[in-house]
Amino acid sequence: MTSLTRIDRHFSRRPLVLCGLAVLLSSCGDYTLDPDCLQFFETDDLGRFSLRGEGSALHQDTGLLWYRCAGGMRFSNGQCMGEPLLLSWSETQQFITEFSQNSNINWRLPSNDEHRSITEAACRNPAVNTNVFPQLPVENFWTSDNGAIGTGMHCMVYTFQGQIACREQTEALHAFMLVSGPD
């Protein structure tokens, strides 16, 4: 018996294994990436937002007012200028208190659900409407929710795809967004 005949016999007994292997291998490269949000939105497409003064945007579905830049950046001429601040949990709270006093608007950190309400599932990098939130960095952003594990833990959202994790220690340094409206 030749080695080719042995191979034929060996594989003739395992048609299901071969079919399964073929399906597995053929699907390895069968995936698509969501488009980049910078190219996804048409110019001037604000989605579910209406722009307000002082660098803010009203989310029509929730009635929440969002600051259009990451904390520490300033809104000027339709753009976010400067670098986002990366702060610990307590430093973030102090910044928000001062920013609220200076702007006469009661700003706070958004909750996980509030972040989800602005996350765009059809695009990524960052997963928000980039016409509303220009220059929003792909970073981990604090949310107002406490972590489920215990004290000293808080939640954050990763803006690349809008994924939320709730195991972050309060001493970690992260960016943050500002929201005003119903708690």
Protein backbone atom coordinates (compact mmCIF):
# COMPACT_ATOMS: atom_id res chain seq x y z
CA MET A 1 0.00 0.00 0.00
CA THR A 2 1.40 3.38 -0.97
CA SER A 3 1.47 6.32 1.39
CA LEU A 4 -1.05 8.11 -0.83
CA THR A 5 -3.51 5.25 -0.43
CA ARG A 6 -3.08 5.34 3.35
CA ILE A 7 -3.80 9.07 3.38
CA ASP A 8 -6.91 8.53 1.25
CA ARG A 9 -8.16 5.82 3.61
CA HIS A 10 -7.36 7.92 6.66
CA PHE A 11 -9.32 10.93 5.43
CA SER A 12 -12.17 8.94 3.90
CA ARG A 13 -13.12 7.87 7.42
CA ARG A 14 -13.25 11.43 8.71
CA PRO A 15 -15.43 13.43 6.33
CA LEU A 16 -17.07 15.36 9.14
CA VAL A 17 -13.72 16.37 10.59
CA LEU A 18 -12.55 17.59 7.20
CA CYS A 19 -15.76 19.53 6.59
CA GLY A 20 -15.50 21.14 10.01
CA LEU A 21 -11.85 22.02 9.45
CA ALA A 22 -12.64 23.51 6.04
CA VAL A 23 -15.43 25.68 7.49
CA LEU A 24 -13.22 26.81 10.34
CA LEU A 25 -10.33 27.75 8.08
CA SER A 26 -12.50 29.47 5.51
CA SER A 27 -14.08 31.70 8.15
CA CYS A 28 -10.80 32.84 9.70
CA GLY A 29 -10.57 35.91 7.52
CA ASP A 30 -14.29 36.58 7.27
CA TYR A 31 -14.69 39.70 9.36
CA THR A 32 -15.23 43.36 8.78
CA LEU A 33 -14.21 46.36 10.78
CA ASP A 34 -16.61 49.15 11.47
CA PRO A 35 -15.65 52.28 9.55
CA ASP A 36 -13.77 55.11 11.21
CA CYS A 37 -16.27 57.67 12.55
CA LEU A 38 -14.25 60.50 11.02
CA GLN A 39 -15.26 59.20 7.57
CA PHE A 40 -18.64 57.76 8.58
CA PHE A 41 -20.60 60.99 9.14
CA GLU A 42 -21.48 63.35 6.32
CA THR A 43 -20.37 66.94 6.83
CA ASP A 44 -22.84 68.75 9.10
CA ASP A 45 -24.58 65.49 10.14
CA LEU A 46 -25.26 66.07 13.83
CA GLY A 47 -27.40 62.96 14.29
CA ARG A 48 -29.51 63.29 17.44
CA PHE A 49 -27.77 66.48 18.61
CA SER A 50 -28.35 70.19 18.29
CA LEU A 51 -25.45 72.53 18.90
CA ARG A 52 -25.63 75.15 21.65
CA GLY A 53 -23.34 78.01 22.57
CA GLU A 54 -20.19 77.77 24.63
CA GLY A 55 -19.08 74.47 23.07
CA SER A 56 -22.05 72.40 24.14
CA ALA A 57 -24.50 70.12 22.35
CA LEU A 58 -27.96 69.01 23.38
CA HIS A 59 -28.72 65.31 22.97
CA GLN A 60 -32.33 65.35 21.83
CA ASP A 61 -33.21 61.83 22.98
CA THR A 62 -32.09 62.32 26.58
CA GLY A 63 -32.23 66.09 27.06
CA LEU A 64 -28.64 66.05 28.29
CA LEU A 65 -26.26 68.89 27.55
CA TRP A 66 -22.77 67.63 26.66
CA TYR A 67 -19.56 69.64 26.60
CA ARG A 68 -18.14 68.91 23.15
CA CYS A 69 -14.50 68.53 24.24
CA ALA A 70 -12.76 66.25 26.70
CA GLY A 71 -12.14 67.80 30.11
CA GLY A 72 -9.21 70.21 30.00
CA MET A 73 -9.67 71.07 26.34
CA ARG A 74 -11.43 74.26 25.26
CA PHE A 75 -13.87 74.74 22.42
CA SER A 76 -12.92 77.47 19.94
CA ASN A 77 -13.95 78.08 16.32
CA GLY A 78 -15.65 74.70 15.98
CA GLN A 79 -12.64 72.76 17.29
CA CYS A 80 -11.35 71.38 20.57
CA MET A 81 -8.05 73.00 21.43
CA GLY A 82 -5.34 71.80 23.79
CA GLU A 83 -4.80 68.42 25.36
CA PRO A 84 -7.27 66.44 27.46
CA LEU A 85 -6.47 66.20 31.14
CA LEU A 86 -5.73 62.76 32.53
CA LEU A 87 -6.74 62.90 36.17
CA SER A 88 -7.47 60.59 39.08
CA TRP A 89 -11.06 60.19 40.24
CA SER A 90 -10.78 62.83 43.00
CA GLU A 91 -8.87 65.28 40.75
CA THR A 92 -11.60 64.86 38.12
CA GLN A 93 -14.26 65.75 40.69
CA GLN A 94 -12.30 68.86 41.73
CA PHE A 95 -11.90 69.96 38.11
CA ILE A 96 -15.63 69.53 37.44
CA THR A 97 -16.51 71.62 40.52
CA GLU A 98 -14.26 74.47 39.36
CA PHE A 99 -15.41 74.22 35.74
CA SER A 100 -19.06 74.36 36.88
CA GLN A 101 -18.40 77.46 38.98
CA ASN A 102 -16.59 79.22 36.12
CA SER A 103 -19.20 78.36 33.48
CA ASN A 104 -22.34 78.79 35.63
CA ILE A 105 -23.52 75.36 34.44
CA ASN A 106 -23.81 72.39 36.81
CA TRP A 107 -21.52 69.91 35.02
CA ARG A 108 -20.92 66.34 36.17
CA LEU A 109 -19.50 63.05 34.92
CA PRO A 110 -21.84 61.08 32.66
CA SER A 111 -23.08 57.67 33.76
CA ASN A 112 -22.45 54.45 31.85
CA ASP A 113 -25.94 54.62 30.34
CA GLU A 114 -25.46 58.25 29.33
CA HIS A 115 -22.22 57.34 27.56
CA ARG A 116 -24.03 54.49 25.82
CA SER A 117 -26.65 56.97 24.58
CA ILE A 118 -24.02 58.84 22.53
CA THR A 119 -21.98 55.81 21.44
CA GLU A 120 -22.24 55.12 17.72
CA ALA A 121 -22.38 51.36 17.11
CA ALA A 122 -21.87 51.71 13.34
CA CYS A 123 -18.39 53.26 13.53
CA ARG A 124 -15.32 53.47 15.75
CA ASN A 125 -12.16 55.40 16.57
CA PRO A 126 -13.79 57.16 18.52
CA ALA A 127 -17.29 55.69 18.54
CA VAL A 128 -19.11 59.05 18.69
CA ASN A 129 -20.41 61.54 16.17
CA THR A 130 -17.19 63.39 15.37
CA ASN A 131 -19.14 66.38 14.02
CA VAL A 132 -20.49 66.88 17.53
CA PHE A 133 -17.36 65.82 19.44
CA PRO A 134 -14.42 67.00 17.32
CA GLN A 135 -10.96 65.80 18.33
CA LEU A 136 -12.32 63.48 21.03
CA PRO A 137 -9.34 61.26 21.80
CA VAL A 138 -9.44 57.49 21.91
CA GLU A 139 -8.91 57.07 25.63
CA ASN A 140 -10.43 55.56 28.72
CA PHE A 141 -12.91 58.10 30.13
CA TRP A 142 -14.22 58.13 33.69
CA THR A 143 -17.95 57.64 34.20
CA SER A 144 -19.93 58.41 37.34
CA ASP A 145 -20.75 54.75 38.04
CA ASN A 146 -19.05 52.84 40.83
CA GLY A 147 -17.40 49.54 40.08
CA ALA A 148 -19.27 46.40 41.05
CA ILE A 149 -16.28 44.85 42.78
CA GLY A 150 -16.04 47.13 45.77
CA THR A 151 -14.94 50.47 47.10
CA GLY A 152 -12.16 52.28 45.37
CA MET A 153 -13.29 51.07 41.95
CA HIS A 154 -15.07 53.09 39.28
CA CYS A 155 -16.23 52.61 35.73
CA MET A 156 -14.75 53.95 32.53
CA VAL A 157 -15.61 53.85 28.85
CA TYR A 158 -13.04 53.23 26.14
CA THR A 159 -14.02 55.55 23.30
CA PHE A 160 -12.55 53.42 20.50
CA GLN A 161 -15.71 51.26 20.43
CA GLY A 162 -17.58 52.45 23.51
CA GLN A 163 -16.78 49.47 25.72
CA ILE A 164 -17.34 49.95 29.45
CA ALA A 165 -15.29 48.40 32.25
CA CYS A 166 -15.88 48.82 35.99
CA ARG A 167 -12.67 47.68 37.60
CA GLU A 168 -10.63 50.86 37.62
CA GLN A 169 -8.92 52.09 40.76
CA THR A 170 -9.57 55.71 41.67
CA GLU A 171 -5.86 56.57 41.57
CA ALA A 172 -5.64 55.74 37.84
CA LEU A 173 -5.37 58.69 35.46
CA HIS A 174 -8.06 59.02 32.80
CA ALA A 175 -9.74 61.55 30.56
CA PHE A 176 -13.35 62.57 31.18
CA MET A 177 -16.33 64.17 29.52
CA LEU A 178 -18.80 66.62 31.01
CA VAL A 179 -22.58 66.46 30.95
CA SER A 180 -25.33 68.55 32.47
CA GLY A 181 -28.94 67.67 32.96
CA PRO A 182 -31.16 65.17 34.70
CA ASP A 183 -29.35 62.80 37.05
